Amino acid sequence: MMDSGRKTARRNTFVLGTVTTPEGESITECFVRDISDSGARLQLRKDVPLPGSFVLALSKDGHDRRPCKTVWQLSIVAGVSFT
């Protein structure tokens, strides 16, 4: 297995999430394709530019929320770090 240089191991997932503003306003839905303790790879439902920072809601009720920073984005796929 090739070392990706990541500090924490990522786990493959297929979890529905929602990218929101800190105030809770929805920006877009996404699928969390992999996740680690420090970040995640998102597949967005539509091609929209992510803000520099946002909140990722990982549950329908919004209780599991993670503040994020956009690290990179190529169309509908983005890498984020948890802040």
PDB file of N, CA and C in Angstrom:
ATOM      1  N   MET A   1       0.847  -1.190   0.000  1.00  0.00           N
ATOM      2  CA  MET A   1       0.000   0.000   0.000  1.00  0.00           C
ATOM      3  C   MET A   1       0.887   1.246   0.000  1.00  0.00           C
ATOM      4  N   MET A   2       0.524   2.202  -0.814  1.00  0.00           N
ATOM      5  CA  MET A   2       1.312   3.413  -0.956  1.00  0.00           C
ATOM      6  C   MET A   2       0.997   4.406   0.162  1.00  0.00           C
ATOM      7  N   ASP A   3       2.008   5.029   0.716  1.00  0.00           N
ATOM      8  CA  ASP A   3       1.831   6.027   1.758  1.00  0.00           C
ATOM      9  C   ASP A   3       1.421   7.344   1.122  1.00  0.00           C
ATOM     10  N   SER A   4       0.247   7.860   1.497  1.00  0.00           N
ATOM     11  CA  SER A   4      -0.256   9.098   0.905  1.00  0.00           C
ATOM     12  C   SER A   4       0.286  10.338   1.603  1.00  0.00           C
ATOM     13  N   GLY A   5       1.021  10.165   2.698  1.00  0.00           N
ATOM     14  CA  GLY A   5       1.538  11.303   3.432  1.00  0.00           C
ATOM     15  C   GLY A   5       0.536  11.881   4.423  1.00  0.00           C
ATOM     16  N   ARG A   6      -0.620  11.274   4.552  1.00  0.00           N
ATOM     17  CA  ARG A   6      -1.628  11.765   5.487  1.00  0.00           C
ATOM     18  C   ARG A   6      -1.215  11.436   6.920  1.00  0.00           C
ATOM     19  N   LYS A   7      -1.624  12.317   7.824  1.00  0.00           N
ATOM     20  CA  LYS A   7      -1.311  12.117   9.232  1.00  0.00           C
ATOM     21  C   LYS A   7      -2.217  11.075   9.873  1.00  0.00           C
ATOM     22  N   THR A   8      -3.445  10.946   9.354  1.00  0.00           N
ATOM     23  CA  THR A   8      -4.402   9.985   9.901  1.00  0.00           C
ATOM     24  C   THR A   8      -4.994   9.154   8.774  1.00  0.00           C
ATOM     25  N   ALA A   9      -5.308   7.907   9.055  1.00  0.00           N
ATOM     26  CA  ALA A   9      -5.853   6.995   8.045  1.00  0.00           C
ATOM     27  C   ALA A   9      -7.275   7.386   7.681  1.00  0.00           C
ATOM     28  N   ARG A  10      -7.575   7.283   6.394  1.00  0.00           N
ATOM     29  CA  ARG A  10      -8.939   7.566   5.920  1.00  0.00           C
ATOM     30  C   ARG A  10      -9.704   6.274   5.758  1.00  0.00           C
ATOM     31  N   ARG A  11     -11.012   6.354   6.050  1.00  0.00           N
ATOM     32  CA  ARG A  11     -11.914   5.214   5.896  1.00  0.00           C
ATOM     33  C   ARG A  11     -12.895   5.530   4.783  1.00  0.00           C
ATOM     34  N   ASN A  12     -13.087   4.589   3.848  1.00  0.00           N
ATOM     35  CA  ASN A  12     -14.067   4.773   2.784  1.00  0.00           C
ATOM     36  C   ASN A  12     -15.465   4.802   3.372  1.00  0.00           C
ATOM     37  N   THR A  13     -16.285   5.737   2.903  1.00  0.00           N
ATOM     38  CA  THR A  13     -17.664   5.863   3.378  1.00  0.00           C
ATOM     39  C   THR A  13     -18.558   6.235   2.206  1.00  0.00           C
ATOM     40  N   PHE A  14     -19.840   6.230   2.439  1.00  0.00           N
ATOM     41  CA  PHE A  14     -20.814   6.746   1.478  1.00  0.00           C
ATOM     42  C   PHE A  14     -21.958   7.319   2.290  1.00  0.00           C
ATOM     43  N   VAL A  15     -21.647   8.393   3.022  1.00  0.00           N
ATOM     44  CA  VAL A  15     -22.583   9.023   3.949  1.00  0.00           C
ATOM     45  C   VAL A  15     -23.120  10.298   3.311  1.00  0.00           C
ATOM     46  N   LEU A  16     -24.429  10.501   3.378  1.00  0.00           N
ATOM     47  CA  LEU A  16     -25.023  11.738   2.876  1.00  0.00           C
ATOM     48  C   LEU A  16     -24.783  12.841   3.890  1.00  0.00           C
ATOM     49  N   GLY A  17     -24.281  13.969   3.422  1.00  0.00           N
ATOM     50  CA  GLY A  17     -24.027  15.111   4.283  1.00  0.00           C
ATOM     51  C   GLY A  17     -24.583  16.374   3.652  1.00  0.00           C
ATOM     52  N   THR A  18     -24.539  17.459   4.415  1.00  0.00           N
ATOM     53  CA  THR A  18     -24.974  18.758   3.919  1.00  0.00           C
ATOM     54  C   THR A  18     -23.932  19.803   4.268  1.00  0.00           C
ATOM     55  N   VAL A  19     -23.518  20.564   3.259  1.00  0.00           N
ATOM     56  CA  VAL A  19     -22.606  21.683   3.463  1.00  0.00           C
ATOM     57  C   VAL A  19     -23.475  22.883   3.831  1.00  0.00           C
ATOM     58  N   THR A  20     -23.204  23.480   4.992  1.00  0.00           N
ATOM     59  CA  THR A  20     -24.012  24.606   5.464  1.00  0.00           C
ATOM     60  C   THR A  20     -23.125  25.776   5.868  1.00  0.00           C
ATOM     61  N   THR A  21     -23.752  26.935   5.955  1.00  0.00           N
ATOM     62  CA  THR A  21     -23.080  28.089   6.534  1.00  0.00           C
ATOM     63  C   THR A  21     -23.003  27.860   8.046  1.00  0.00           C
ATOM     64  N   PRO A  22     -22.167  28.618   8.757  1.00  0.00           N
ATOM     65  CA  PRO A  22     -22.137  28.472  10.219  1.00  0.00           C
ATOM     66  C   PRO A  22     -23.494  28.722  10.873  1.00  0.00           C
ATOM     67  N   GLU A  23     -24.366  29.492  10.191  1.00  0.00           N
ATOM     68  CA  GLU A  23     -25.698  29.776  10.723  1.00  0.00           C
ATOM     69  C   GLU A  23     -26.693  28.664  10.412  1.00  0.00           C
ATOM     70  N   GLY A  24     -26.288  27.660   9.625  1.00  0.00           N
ATOM     71  CA  GLY A  24     -27.152  26.526   9.336  1.00  0.00           C
ATOM     72  C   GLY A  24     -27.847  26.569   7.987  1.00  0.00           C
ATOM     73  N   GLU A  25     -27.586  27.587   7.164  1.00  0.00           N
ATOM     74  CA  GLU A  25     -28.201  27.682   5.844  1.00  0.00           C
ATOM     75  C   GLU A  25     -27.532  26.693   4.884  1.00  0.00           C
ATOM     76  N   SER A  26     -28.347  25.884   4.216  1.00  0.00           N
ATOM     77  CA  SER A  26     -27.826  24.858   3.319  1.00  0.00           C
ATOM     78  C   SER A  26     -27.164  25.475   2.089  1.00  0.00           C
ATOM     79  N   ILE A  27     -25.979  24.971   1.719  1.00  0.00           N
ATOM     80  CA  ILE A  27     -25.282  25.376   0.499  1.00  0.00           C
ATOM     81  C   ILE A  27     -25.470  24.300  -0.566  1.00  0.00           C
ATOM     82  N   THR A  28     -25.219  23.039  -0.207  1.00  0.00           N
ATOM     83  CA  THR A  28     -25.429  21.916  -1.115  1.00  0.00           C
ATOM     84  C   THR A  28     -25.349  20.610  -0.334  1.00  0.00           C
ATOM     85  N   GLU A  29     -25.970  19.569  -0.878  1.00  0.00           N
ATOM     86  CA  GLU A  29     -25.816  18.240  -0.313  1.00  0.00           C
ATOM     87  C   GLU A  29     -24.568  17.608  -0.914  1.00  0.00           C
ATOM     88  N   CYS A  30     -24.041  16.623  -0.228  1.00  0.00           N
ATOM     89  CA  CYS A  30     -22.851  15.938  -0.709  1.00  0.00           C
ATOM     90  C   CYS A  30     -22.832  14.510  -0.176  1.00  0.00           C
ATOM     91  N   PHE A  31     -21.960  13.716  -0.756  1.00  0.00           N
ATOM     92  CA  PHE A  31     -21.652  12.406  -0.206  1.00  0.00           C
ATOM     93  C   PHE A  31     -20.248  12.474   0.357  1.00  0.00           C
ATOM     94  N   VAL A  32     -20.073  12.000   1.582  1.00  0.00           N
ATOM     95  CA  VAL A  32     -18.748  11.900   2.184  1.00  0.00           C
ATOM     96  C   VAL A  32     -18.172  10.583   1.692  1.00  0.00           C
ATOM     97  N   ARG A  33     -17.167  10.652   0.821  1.00  0.00           N
ATOM     98  CA  ARG A  33     -16.615   9.451   0.178  1.00  0.00           C
ATOM     99  C   ARG A  33     -15.528   8.793   1.019  1.00  0.00           C
ATOM    100  N   ASP A  34     -14.782   9.585   1.772  1.00  0.00           N
ATOM    101  CA  ASP A  34     -13.875   9.015   2.778  1.00  0.00           C
ATOM    102  C   ASP A  34     -13.684  10.055   3.873  1.00  0.00           C
ATOM    103  N   ILE A  35     -13.299   9.553   5.048  1.00  0.00           N
ATOM    104  CA  ILE A  35     -13.210  10.438   6.217  1.00  0.00           C
ATOM    105  C   ILE A  35     -12.099   9.949   7.135  1.00  0.00           C
ATOM    106  N   SER A  36     -11.485  10.889   7.839  1.00  0.00           N
ATOM    107  CA  SER A  36     -10.482  10.567   8.853  1.00  0.00           C
ATOM    108  C   SER A  36     -10.728  11.482  10.042  1.00  0.00           C
ATOM    109  N   ASP A  37      -9.865  11.400  11.025  1.00  0.00           N
ATOM    110  CA  ASP A  37     -10.001  12.280  12.182  1.00  0.00           C
ATOM    111  C   ASP A  37      -9.732  13.736  11.806  1.00  0.00           C
ATOM    112  N   SER A  38      -8.978  13.958  10.718  1.00  0.00           N
ATOM    113  CA  SER A  38      -8.576  15.322  10.373  1.00  0.00           C
ATOM    114  C   SER A  38      -9.273  15.918   9.154  1.00  0.00           C
ATOM    115  N   GLY A  39     -10.010  15.101   8.374  1.00  0.00           N
ATOM    116  CA  GLY A  39     -10.654  15.663   7.193  1.00  0.00           C
ATOM    117  C   GLY A  39     -11.466  14.638   6.424  1.00  0.00           C
ATOM    118  N   ALA A  40     -11.907  15.050   5.212  1.00  0.00           N
ATOM    119  CA  ALA A  40     -12.766  14.184   4.409  1.00  0.00           C
ATOM    120  C   ALA A  40     -12.658  14.562   2.930  1.00  0.00           C
ATOM    121  N   ARG A  41     -13.117  13.633   2.091  1.00  0.00           N
ATOM    122  CA  ARG A  41     -13.269  13.902   0.659  1.00  0.00           C
ATOM    123  C   ARG A  41     -14.759  13.887   0.374  1.00  0.00           C
ATOM    124  N   LEU A  42     -15.238  14.976  -0.213  1.00  0.00           N
ATOM    125  CA  LEU A  42     -16.659  15.145  -0.485  1.00  0.00           C
ATOM    126  C   LEU A  42     -16.936  15.051  -1.974  1.00  0.00           C
ATOM    127  N   GLN A  43     -18.072  14.468  -2.314  1.00  0.00           N
ATOM    128  CA  GLN A  43     -18.581  14.484  -3.683  1.00  0.00           C
ATOM    129  C   GLN A  43     -19.868  15.302  -3.632  1.00  0.00           C
ATOM    130  N   LEU A  44     -19.831  16.496  -4.222  1.00  0.00           N
ATOM    131  CA  LEU A  44     -20.967  17.404  -4.157  1.00  0.00           C
ATOM    132  C   LEU A  44     -22.073  16.964  -5.097  1.00  0.00           C
ATOM    133  N   ARG A  45     -23.311  17.312  -4.757  1.00  0.00           N
ATOM    134  CA  ARG A  45     -24.454  16.995  -5.614  1.00  0.00           C
ATOM    135  C   ARG A  45     -24.473  17.871  -6.861  1.00  0.00           C
ATOM    136  N   LYS A  46     -23.897  19.076  -6.757  1.00  0.00           N
ATOM    137  CA  LYS A  46     -23.837  19.975  -7.910  1.00  0.00           C
ATOM    138  C   LYS A  46     -22.516  20.735  -7.867  1.00  0.00           C
ATOM    139  N   ASP A  47     -22.117  21.245  -9.023  1.00  0.00           N
ATOM    140  CA  ASP A  47     -20.842  21.954  -9.139  1.00  0.00           C
ATOM    141  C   ASP A  47     -21.003  23.383  -8.640  1.00  0.00           C
ATOM    142  N   VAL A  48     -20.739  23.571  -7.359  1.00  0.00           N
ATOM    143  CA  VAL A  48     -20.770  24.908  -6.754  1.00  0.00           C
ATOM    144  C   VAL A  48     -19.455  25.118  -6.022  1.00  0.00           C
ATOM    145  N   PRO A  49     -18.915  26.330  -6.074  1.00  0.00           N
ATOM    146  CA  PRO A  49     -17.684  26.578  -5.330  1.00  0.00           C
ATOM    147  C   PRO A  49     -17.960  26.575  -3.826  1.00  0.00           C
ATOM    148  N   LEU A  50     -17.160  25.814  -3.107  1.00  0.00           N
ATOM    149  CA  LEU A  50     -17.304  25.791  -1.651  1.00  0.00           C
ATOM    150  C   LEU A  50     -16.663  27.042  -1.062  1.00  0.00           C
ATOM    151  N   PRO A  51     -17.241  27.563   0.019  1.00  0.00           N
ATOM    152  CA  PRO A  51     -16.598  28.687   0.702  1.00  0.00           C
ATOM    153  C   PRO A  51     -15.309  28.219   1.379  1.00  0.00           C
ATOM    154  N   GLY A  52     -14.467  29.147   1.759  1.00  0.00           N
ATOM    155  CA  GLY A  52     -13.217  28.803   2.439  1.00  0.00           C
ATOM    156  C   GLY A  52     -13.434  28.035   3.722  1.00  0.00           C
ATOM    157  N   SER A  53     -14.497  28.373   4.434  1.00  0.00           N
ATOM    158  CA  SER A  53     -14.849  27.627   5.647  1.00  0.00           C
ATOM    159  C   SER A  53     -16.365  27.457   5.690  1.00  0.00           C
ATOM    160  N   PHE A  54     -16.789  26.345   6.275  1.00  0.00           N
ATOM    161  CA  PHE A  54     -18.208  26.006   6.341  1.00  0.00           C
ATOM    162  C   PHE A  54     -18.407  24.936   7.394  1.00  0.00           C
ATOM    163  N   VAL A  55     -19.645  24.513   7.558  1.00  0.00           N
ATOM    164  CA  VAL A  55     -19.972  23.438   8.496  1.00  0.00           C
ATOM    165  C   VAL A  55     -20.507  22.262   7.688  1.00  0.00           C
ATOM    166  N   LEU A  56     -20.026  21.074   7.999  1.00  0.00           N
ATOM    167  CA  LEU A  56     -20.493  19.845   7.363  1.00  0.00           C
ATOM    168  C   LEU A  56     -21.408  19.122   8.341  1.00  0.00           C
ATOM    169  N   ALA A  57     -22.689  19.012   7.973  1.00  0.00           N
ATOM    170  CA  ALA A  57     -23.651  18.275   8.795  1.00  0.00           C
ATOM    171  C   ALA A  57     -23.650  16.831   8.323  1.00  0.00           C
ATOM    172  N   LEU A  58     -23.363  15.913   9.234  1.00  0.00           N
ATOM    173  CA  LEU A  58     -23.239  14.496   8.894  1.00  0.00           C
ATOM    174  C   LEU A  58     -24.441  13.677   9.335  1.00  0.00           C
ATOM    175  N   SER A  59     -25.503  14.345   9.785  1.00  0.00           N
ATOM    176  CA  SER A  59     -26.721  13.648  10.176  1.00  0.00           C
ATOM    177  C   SER A  59     -27.919  14.476   9.745  1.00  0.00           C
ATOM    178  N   LYS A  60     -29.057  13.807   9.521  1.00  0.00           N
ATOM    179  CA  LYS A  60     -30.257  14.513   9.056  1.00  0.00           C
ATOM    180  C   LYS A  60     -30.721  15.566  10.047  1.00  0.00           C
ATOM    181  N   ASP A  61     -30.576  15.275  11.350  1.00  0.00           N
ATOM    182  CA  ASP A  61     -31.030  16.233  12.359  1.00  0.00           C
ATOM    183  C   ASP A  61     -30.014  17.348  12.609  1.00  0.00           C
ATOM    184  N   GLY A  62     -28.825  17.244  11.997  1.00  0.00           N
ATOM    185  CA  GLY A  62     -27.822  18.297  12.127  1.00  0.00           C
ATOM    186  C   GLY A  62     -27.040  18.286  13.419  1.00  0.00           C
ATOM    187  N   HIS A  63     -27.214  17.237  14.246  1.00  0.00           N
ATOM    188  CA  HIS A  63     -26.496  17.192  15.517  1.00  0.00           C
ATOM    189  C   HIS A  63     -25.017  16.844  15.344  1.00  0.00           C
ATOM    190  N   ASP A  64     -24.689  16.041  14.337  1.00  0.00           N
ATOM    191  CA  ASP A  64     -23.289  15.692  14.084  1.00  0.00           C
ATOM    192  C   ASP A  64     -22.748  16.674  13.051  1.00  0.00           C
ATOM    193  N   ARG A  65     -22.120  17.732  13.530  1.00  0.00           N
ATOM    194  CA  ARG A  65     -21.625  18.807  12.673  1.00  0.00           C
ATOM    195  C   ARG A  65     -20.126  18.977  12.868  1.00  0.00           C
ATOM    196  N   ARG A  66     -19.428  19.237  11.773  1.00  0.00           N
ATOM    197  CA  ARG A  66     -17.986  19.454  11.838  1.00  0.00           C
ATOM    198  C   ARG A  66     -17.634  20.753  11.120  1.00  0.00           C
ATOM    199  N   PRO A  67     -16.978  21.685  11.789  1.00  0.00           N
ATOM    200  CA  PRO A  67     -16.490  22.873  11.088  1.00  0.00           C
ATOM    201  C   PRO A  67     -15.352  22.450  10.152  1.00  0.00           C
ATOM    202  N   CYS A  68     -15.360  22.987   8.920  1.00  0.00           N
ATOM    203  CA  CYS A  68     -14.403  22.561   7.900  1.00  0.00           C
ATOM    204  C   CYS A  68     -13.747  23.747   7.214  1.00  0.00           C
ATOM    205  N   LYS A  69     -12.600  23.439   6.605  1.00  0.00           N
ATOM    206  CA  LYS A  69     -11.897  24.377   5.744  1.00  0.00           C
ATOM    207  C   LYS A  69     -11.680  23.663   4.413  1.00  0.00           C
ATOM    208  N   THR A  70     -11.979  24.336   3.297  1.00  0.00           N
ATOM    209  CA  THR A  70     -11.750  23.753   1.977  1.00  0.00           C
ATOM    210  C   THR A  70     -10.247  23.742   1.700  1.00  0.00           C
ATOM    211  N   VAL A  71      -9.710  22.569   1.392  1.00  0.00           N
ATOM    212  CA  VAL A  71      -8.288  22.430   1.075  1.00  0.00           C
ATOM    213  C   VAL A  71      -8.088  22.454  -0.433  1.00  0.00           C
ATOM    214  N   TRP A  72      -8.953  21.734  -1.161  1.00  0.00           N
ATOM    215  CA  TRP A  72      -8.908  21.725  -2.624  1.00  0.00           C
ATOM    216  C   TRP A  72     -10.291  21.383  -3.154  1.00  0.00           C
ATOM    217  N   GLN A  73     -10.545  21.777  -4.414  1.00  0.00           N
ATOM    218  CA  GLN A  73     -11.802  21.438  -5.059  1.00  0.00           C
ATOM    219  C   GLN A  73     -11.589  21.337  -6.556  1.00  0.00           C
ATOM    220  N   LEU A  74     -12.044  20.240  -7.152  1.00  0.00           N
ATOM    221  CA  LEU A  74     -12.043  20.029  -8.595  1.00  0.00           C
ATOM    222  C   LEU A  74     -13.464  19.678  -8.990  1.00  0.00           C
ATOM    223  N   SER A  75     -14.205  20.656  -9.482  1.00  0.00           N
ATOM    224  CA  SER A  75     -15.588  20.478  -9.889  1.00  0.00           C
ATOM    225  C   SER A  75     -16.423  20.004  -8.703  1.00  0.00           C
ATOM    226  N   ILE A  76     -16.948  18.763  -8.763  1.00  0.00           N
ATOM    227  CA  ILE A  76     -17.838  18.293  -7.697  1.00  0.00           C
ATOM    228  C   ILE A  76     -17.126  17.475  -6.620  1.00  0.00           C
ATOM    229  N   VAL A  77     -15.799  17.410  -6.658  1.00  0.00           N
ATOM    230  CA  VAL A  77     -15.047  16.662  -5.647  1.00  0.00           C
ATOM    231  C   VAL A  77     -14.166  17.646  -4.884  1.00  0.00           C
ATOM    232  N   ALA A  78     -14.153  17.516  -3.551  1.00  0.00           N
ATOM    233  CA  ALA A  78     -13.387  18.452  -2.737  1.00  0.00           C
ATOM    234  C   ALA A  78     -12.756  17.731  -1.549  1.00  0.00           C
ATOM    235  N   GLY A  79     -11.603  18.225  -1.151  1.00  0.00           N
ATOM    236  CA  GLY A  79     -10.944  17.758   0.062  1.00  0.00           C
ATOM    237  C   GLY A  79     -11.072  18.840   1.120  1.00  0.00           C
ATOM    238  N   VAL A  80     -11.456  18.432   2.325  1.00  0.00           N
ATOM    239  CA  VAL A  80     -11.646  19.392   3.404  1.00  0.00           C
ATOM    240  C   VAL A  80     -10.896  18.926   4.647  1.00  0.00           C
ATOM    241  N   SER A  81     -10.494  19.876   5.458  1.00  0.00           N
ATOM    242  CA  SER A  81      -9.914  19.540   6.747  1.00  0.00           C
ATOM    243  C   SER A  81     -10.869  20.025   7.831  1.00  0.00           C
ATOM    244  N   PHE A  82     -10.913  19.280   8.930  1.00  0.00           N
ATOM    245  CA  PHE A  82     -11.758  19.659  10.061  1.00  0.00           C
ATOM    246  C   PHE A  82     -10.992  20.671  10.912  1.00  0.00           C
ATOM    247  N   THR A  83     -11.676  21.731  11.297  1.00  0.00           N
ATOM    248  CA  THR A  83     -11.015  22.783  12.068  1.00  0.00           C
ATOM    249  C   THR A  83     -11.472  22.793  13.512  1.00  0.00           C
TER     250      THR A  83
END
